[in-house]
Amino acid sequence: MVEVSGELCCERTGMALSQHMRQGLSEVFIDRTRAGRRGPDTAYTLGGPFFCPGCGEGMKVEGCHATCRRCGGVLDEFVYPLIEVHPHP
């Protein structure tokens, strides 16, 4: 993630994030003031690829869960809004 003109954006795609998404991703992956919440196990399988918002590492995707291989951050709680509210080009 990078800051561009006061907005937090995905470095790979240039997609800007809402303030709510920025706050949550910052808490989990940048400031590390809380751990990401792991979602419930479901039959749904994530596509990908996903990259860690903190360190940029490719995330390990297992079924419906995404975890950073380097820092261990959990992306699960952010997957739905990233896909549905913040579509990547």
Protein backbone atom coordinates (compact mmCIF):
# COMPACT_ATOMS: atom_id res chain seq x y z
CA MET A 1 0.00 0.00 0.00
CA VAL A 2 1.17 3.50 -0.79
CA GLU A 3 -0.22 6.93 -0.01
CA VAL A 4 -1.09 9.00 -3.08
CA SER A 5 -2.55 12.51 -2.67
CA GLY A 6 -3.75 11.67 0.85
CA GLU A 7 -5.41 8.37 -0.15
CA LEU A 8 -4.12 4.88 0.58
CA CYS A 9 -3.83 2.98 -2.71
CA CYS A 10 -2.87 -0.49 -3.80
CA GLU A 11 0.64 -0.13 -5.23
CA ARG A 12 0.11 -2.91 -7.78
CA THR A 13 -3.23 -1.69 -9.19
CA GLY A 14 -3.56 1.96 -8.15
CA MET A 15 -6.95 1.24 -6.55
CA ALA A 16 -7.86 3.77 -3.82
CA LEU A 17 -9.36 2.51 -0.56
CA SER A 18 -12.24 3.86 1.49
CA GLN A 19 -11.33 5.46 4.82
CA HIS A 20 -12.93 2.51 6.64
CA MET A 21 -10.83 0.00 4.68
CA ARG A 22 -7.71 2.12 5.15
CA GLN A 23 -8.23 2.18 8.92
CA GLY A 24 -8.73 -1.58 9.19
CA LEU A 25 -5.80 -2.51 6.95
CA SER A 26 -3.55 -0.03 8.76
CA GLU A 27 -4.49 -1.46 12.18
CA VAL A 28 -3.73 -5.03 11.10
CA PHE A 29 -0.89 -4.74 8.59
CA ILE A 30 0.92 -1.45 9.24
CA ASP A 31 0.43 -0.29 12.85
CA ARG A 32 -0.13 -3.86 14.12
CA THR A 33 -2.46 -2.62 16.85
CA ARG A 34 -4.70 -5.66 16.42
CA ALA A 35 -4.65 -9.07 14.73
CA GLY A 36 -6.70 -9.71 11.62
CA ARG A 37 -9.83 -11.78 12.23
CA ARG A 38 -9.84 -15.19 10.62
CA GLY A 39 -13.13 -15.91 8.89
CA PRO A 40 -15.21 -19.03 9.45
CA ASP A 41 -14.43 -22.13 7.40
CA THR A 42 -16.70 -22.28 4.37
CA ALA A 43 -16.87 -24.23 1.14
CA TYR A 44 -15.98 -21.02 -0.73
CA THR A 45 -12.49 -20.94 -2.25
CA LEU A 46 -10.71 -17.64 -2.73
CA GLY A 47 -9.28 -16.78 -6.09
CA GLY A 48 -6.21 -14.71 -6.19
CA PRO A 49 -3.55 -13.77 -6.14
CA PHE A 50 -3.65 -11.72 -2.95
CA PHE A 51 -0.72 -9.64 -1.70
CA CYS A 52 -0.05 -8.49 1.85
CA PRO A 53 -1.03 -4.83 2.32
CA GLY A 54 1.85 -4.43 4.78
CA CYS A 55 4.88 -6.06 3.19
CA GLY A 56 3.72 -6.85 -0.36
CA GLU A 57 4.45 -10.58 -0.08
CA GLY A 58 2.18 -13.00 -1.93
CA MET A 59 -0.35 -14.42 0.51
CA LYS A 60 -0.90 -18.10 1.20
CA VAL A 61 -4.49 -18.88 0.19
CA GLU A 62 -6.07 -21.99 1.69
CA GLY A 63 -9.74 -22.41 0.83
CA CYS A 64 -11.44 -19.28 2.17
CA HIS A 65 -8.44 -17.98 4.14
CA ALA A 66 -5.53 -15.71 3.15
CA THR A 67 -2.44 -15.31 5.34
CA CYS A 68 0.82 -13.49 4.62
CA ARG A 69 3.74 -15.86 4.22
CA ARG A 70 6.20 -13.31 5.63
CA CYS A 71 4.46 -11.40 8.44
CA GLY A 72 1.54 -13.74 9.24
CA GLY A 73 -1.14 -11.05 8.80
CA VAL A 74 -4.64 -12.44 8.16
CA LEU A 75 -6.64 -10.85 5.32
CA ASP A 76 -9.90 -12.80 5.79
CA GLU A 77 -12.04 -9.98 7.22
CA PHE A 78 -11.09 -7.72 4.30
CA VAL A 79 -11.57 -10.13 1.38
CA TYR A 80 -15.27 -9.43 0.74
CA PRO A 81 -14.93 -5.63 0.76
CA LEU A 82 -11.76 -5.82 -1.33
CA ILE A 83 -13.57 -7.85 -3.99
CA GLU A 84 -17.06 -6.34 -3.87
CA VAL A 85 -16.53 -2.71 -2.78
CA HIS A 86 -12.99 -2.09 -4.05
CA PRO A 87 -12.80 -4.06 -7.32
CA HIS A 88 -9.32 -4.31 -8.79
CA PRO A 89 -8.84 -3.66 -12.51
